Protein backbone atom coordinates (compact mmCIF):
# COMPACT_ATOMS: atom_id res chain seq x y z
CA GLN A 1 -0.04 -0.06 -0.06
CA VAL A 2 1.50 3.22 -1.31
CA GLN A 3 1.82 5.79 1.56
CA LEU A 4 1.85 9.61 1.03
CA VAL A 5 3.25 11.92 3.71
CA GLU A 6 2.60 15.68 3.29
CA SER A 7 4.68 18.27 5.01
CA GLY A 8 5.39 22.06 4.73
CA GLY A 9 1.94 23.50 5.78
CA GLY A 10 1.62 26.22 8.25
CA SER A 11 0.19 29.76 8.69
CA VAL A 12 1.38 32.74 6.68
CA GLN A 13 0.29 36.19 6.10
CA PRO A 14 -1.26 37.25 2.78
CA GLY A 15 1.29 37.71 0.10
CA GLY A 16 3.52 35.16 1.70
CA SER A 17 4.94 31.96 0.33
CA LEU A 18 5.14 28.09 1.54
CA ILE A 19 6.35 25.00 -0.06
CA LEU A 20 4.50 21.90 0.30
CA SER A 21 6.25 18.28 0.02
CA CYS A 22 5.00 14.96 -0.37
CA THR A 23 7.02 11.84 -0.20
CA ALA A 24 5.89 8.38 -1.36
CA SER A 25 6.76 5.31 0.43
CA LYS A 26 6.14 1.56 -0.33
CA VAL A 27 5.69 2.47 -4.03
CA ASN A 28 6.78 0.77 -7.05
CA ASN A 29 7.41 2.65 -10.27
CA PHE A 30 6.97 6.15 -8.71
CA PRO A 31 7.77 7.81 -12.08
CA MET A 32 4.67 6.05 -13.72
CA TYR A 33 2.30 7.91 -11.10
CA ASN A 34 0.27 10.99 -11.84
CA MET A 35 0.84 13.14 -8.82
CA GLY A 36 -1.18 15.76 -7.71
CA TRP A 37 -2.10 18.40 -4.94
CA TYR A 38 -5.81 18.74 -3.90
CA ARG A 39 -7.32 20.93 -1.36
CA ARG A 40 -10.48 21.21 0.83
CA ILE A 41 -11.39 24.57 1.70
CA PRO A 42 -13.94 24.82 4.45
CA GLY A 43 -17.41 24.30 3.38
CA LYS A 44 -16.54 23.08 -0.08
CA GLN A 45 -15.56 19.89 -1.68
CA ARG A 46 -12.01 18.65 -2.37
CA GLU A 47 -10.76 20.38 -5.64
CA LEU A 48 -7.89 19.78 -7.74
CA VAL A 49 -4.85 22.42 -7.19
CA ALA A 50 -2.23 21.06 -9.46
CA ASP A 51 -1.34 17.81 -11.11
CA ILE A 52 1.98 16.61 -12.90
CA THR A 53 2.17 13.54 -15.12
CA PRO A 54 4.95 11.09 -15.47
CA SER A 55 6.11 12.94 -18.47
CA GLY A 56 6.18 16.38 -16.55
CA ILE A 57 2.96 18.02 -18.04
CA THR A 58 1.42 20.14 -15.45
CA VAL A 59 -2.11 21.25 -14.88
CA TYR A 60 -3.30 24.06 -12.54
CA ALA A 61 -6.54 25.11 -11.34
CA VAL A 62 -7.47 28.47 -12.46
CA PRO A 63 -7.40 30.29 -9.18
CA VAL A 64 -3.72 29.08 -8.58
CA LYS A 65 -2.25 29.49 -11.88
CA GLY A 66 0.87 31.85 -12.04
CA ARG A 67 1.15 31.58 -8.35
CA PHE A 68 1.69 27.90 -7.69
CA THR A 69 4.30 25.55 -9.12
CA ILE A 70 4.24 21.77 -8.83
CA SER A 71 7.28 19.75 -9.50
CA ARG A 72 8.45 16.17 -9.05
CA ASP A 73 11.70 14.44 -8.01
CA ASN A 74 11.56 10.93 -9.19
CA ASP A 75 14.83 10.02 -7.57
CA ASN A 76 13.52 10.77 -4.20
CA ASN A 77 9.74 9.87 -4.74
CA THR A 78 8.81 13.39 -4.00
CA ILE A 79 6.59 16.11 -5.04
CA SER A 80 6.53 19.64 -4.21
CA LEU A 81 4.12 22.60 -4.43
CA GLN A 82 5.70 26.03 -4.36
CA MET A 83 3.05 28.44 -3.36
CA SER A 84 3.47 32.32 -3.50
CA ASP A 85 1.40 35.41 -3.23
CA LEU A 86 -0.92 33.42 -0.99
CA MET A 87 -4.23 34.85 -0.34
CA PRO A 88 -6.76 33.92 2.49
CA ASP A 89 -8.92 32.15 -0.13
CA ASP A 90 -5.99 29.66 -0.18
CA THR A 91 -6.65 28.62 3.44
CA ALA A 92 -7.51 24.99 3.16
CA ILE A 93 -6.21 21.38 4.03
CA TYR A 94 -4.00 20.26 1.18
CA TYR A 95 -3.71 16.91 0.31
CA CYS A 96 -1.33 14.74 -2.02
CA ASN A 97 -2.75 12.28 -4.58
CA ALA A 98 -1.09 9.65 -6.29
CA GLU A 99 -2.51 7.60 -9.10
CA SER A 100 -0.73 4.81 -10.97
CA THR A 101 -0.92 4.95 -14.87
CA LEU A 102 -0.06 1.11 -14.89
CA THR A 103 -2.92 0.01 -12.63
CA TRP A 104 -4.86 3.08 -11.79
CA SER A 105 -4.79 2.57 -8.07
CA ASN A 106 -5.22 5.89 -6.23
CA TYR A 107 -3.79 6.88 -2.84
CA TRP A 108 -4.24 10.02 -0.62
CA GLY A 109 -1.99 11.48 2.09
CA GLN A 110 -3.42 12.53 5.27
CA GLY A 111 -3.56 16.33 4.49
CA THR A 112 -1.56 19.53 5.74
CA GLN A 113 -3.21 22.64 6.97
CA VAL A 114 -2.31 25.91 5.11
CA THR A 115 -3.83 29.11 6.80
CA VAL A 116 -3.49 32.42 5.08
CA SER A 117 -4.31 35.21 7.56
CA SER A 118 -3.21 38.66 8.71
């Protein structure tokens, strides 16, 4: 069973930056996984923030485009989400997601809280 552990969440003032990381363990063929970041804003359903394919193609949700950058390090089974110009509307629990392009198995991390507040 693939395990995903997120880190890097916390509290920041509007306009600030944070970097989230997600490390996968007990995983075979990490390079063959679509990896993504999702978030659950209070009162709303979980939504896609950013995704990166095995070939490095990235997709971003409209609200974060130009402010967030997703990247992957296949040597260390890790993805990151660099978040800048954070706004109060970015306050959410951020989840790491992994989906195998070989088996289509899907896994979630436990989530990490990001709070943007003055």
